[in-house]
Amino acid sequence: MKLTPAIIQDAKTRNVYMLGFMNDEAFTLTKQTGYVYFWSRKRKKIWKKGETSGNVLKVLSMHEDCDKDTLLIQVNLIGSCVCHTGNITCFKKINQ
């Protein structure tokens, strides 16, 4: 199964929310519905971002990189956070 990395970015602020992986089905569902879907490598199934939390990602635009092996999806967050930890983003600074 081919998985494509998908960088999720806030369309207004340009802040990066998260990185997920899409297979063909997740990509198609995302295009068809206008909401972000991923392939869960852990659960081995398709999931809609926010399906349990209610914090969904509305797609505003989708872009592929020049090699056509990575996606950039600009979204509008409908809800309060993206990360399952309750943070707005899944990324945190590494102290050096």
Protein backbone atom coordinates (compact mmCIF):
# COMPACT_ATOMS: atom_id res chain seq x y z
CA MET A 1 0.00 0.00 0.00
CA LYS A 2 1.40 3.35 -1.03
CA LEU A 3 1.14 6.01 1.69
CA THR A 4 1.62 9.68 0.90
CA PRO A 5 2.67 12.13 3.64
CA ALA A 6 0.17 14.97 4.03
CA ILE A 7 1.23 18.14 5.80
CA ILE A 8 -1.77 19.90 7.34
CA GLN A 9 -1.47 23.68 7.53
CA ASP A 10 -3.80 26.42 8.75
CA ALA A 11 -4.84 28.35 5.63
CA LYS A 12 -4.85 31.73 7.40
CA THR A 13 -1.90 31.63 9.79
CA ARG A 14 0.22 29.13 7.81
CA ASN A 15 0.97 27.29 11.08
CA VAL A 16 1.58 23.57 10.58
CA TYR A 17 -0.90 21.50 12.53
CA MET A 18 0.19 17.95 11.85
CA LEU A 19 1.53 15.35 9.45
CA GLY A 20 -0.57 12.36 8.49
CA PHE A 21 -0.51 9.67 5.83
CA MET A 22 -3.03 9.10 3.07
CA ASN A 23 -3.63 6.10 0.90
CA ASP A 24 -5.67 6.38 -2.30
CA GLU A 25 -8.98 5.92 -0.46
CA ALA A 26 -8.21 8.63 2.12
CA PHE A 27 -7.14 11.01 -0.65
CA THR A 28 -10.34 10.35 -2.62
CA LEU A 29 -12.55 10.79 0.45
CA THR A 30 -10.78 14.05 1.27
CA LYS A 31 -11.35 15.36 -2.26
CA GLN A 32 -14.97 14.21 -2.36
CA THR A 33 -16.09 15.40 1.07
CA GLY A 34 -13.91 18.46 1.65
CA TYR A 35 -12.78 17.12 5.05
CA VAL A 36 -9.41 15.51 5.84
CA TYR A 37 -9.18 11.72 5.98
CA PHE A 38 -6.08 9.67 6.78
CA TRP A 39 -4.91 6.08 6.80
CA SER A 40 -4.10 5.09 10.37
CA ARG A 41 -0.92 3.04 10.36
CA LYS A 42 -1.58 2.00 13.96
CA ARG A 43 -5.23 1.01 13.57
CA LYS A 44 -4.92 -0.10 9.92
CA LYS A 45 -8.03 1.76 8.81
CA ILE A 46 -9.31 4.97 7.25
CA TRP A 47 -10.29 7.71 9.68
CA LYS A 48 -11.75 11.16 9.39
CA LYS A 49 -9.75 13.67 11.40
CA GLY A 50 -12.01 14.71 14.26
CA GLU A 51 -14.45 11.81 13.97
CA THR A 52 -14.42 11.29 17.74
CA SER A 53 -13.28 14.70 19.04
CA GLY A 54 -15.39 16.85 16.75
CA ASN A 55 -12.31 18.92 15.81
CA VAL A 56 -12.51 18.49 12.04
CA LEU A 57 -10.36 19.93 9.28
CA LYS A 58 -12.20 21.63 6.41
CA VAL A 59 -10.10 21.58 3.24
CA LEU A 60 -9.55 24.94 1.56
CA SER A 61 -6.84 23.85 -0.88
CA MET A 62 -4.66 20.88 -1.73
CA HIS A 63 -1.19 21.01 -3.28
CA GLU A 64 1.35 18.39 -4.30
CA ASP A 65 5.09 18.92 -4.30
CA CYS A 66 7.20 18.90 -7.46
CA ASP A 67 7.99 15.17 -7.08
CA LYS A 68 4.30 14.37 -6.53
CA ASP A 69 5.12 12.41 -3.38
CA THR A 70 3.97 14.79 -0.63
CA LEU A 71 0.77 16.76 -0.10
CA LEU A 72 0.22 20.14 1.51
CA ILE A 73 -3.37 20.57 2.61
CA GLN A 74 -4.49 23.99 3.78
CA VAL A 75 -7.44 23.82 6.13
CA ASN A 76 -9.81 25.67 8.37
CA LEU A 77 -9.98 24.04 11.82
CA ILE A 78 -13.55 23.59 12.96
CA GLY A 79 -13.12 23.08 16.69
CA SER A 80 -10.54 23.99 19.30
CA CYS A 81 -7.50 21.79 18.71
CA VAL A 82 -5.88 19.39 16.27
CA CYS A 83 -3.75 17.15 18.50
CA HIS A 84 -5.22 14.36 20.62
CA THR A 85 -3.33 15.92 23.56
CA GLY A 86 -5.57 18.99 23.39
CA ASN A 87 -2.93 21.21 21.77
CA ILE A 88 -3.63 23.30 18.70
CA THR A 89 -0.74 21.57 16.88
CA CYS A 90 0.88 18.15 17.12
CA PHE A 91 4.35 19.72 17.06
CA LYS A 92 6.31 21.01 20.03
CA LYS A 93 9.73 22.59 20.27
CA ILE A 94 12.66 20.37 21.17
CA ASN A 95 14.85 21.88 23.86
CA GLN A 96 18.50 21.74 22.95
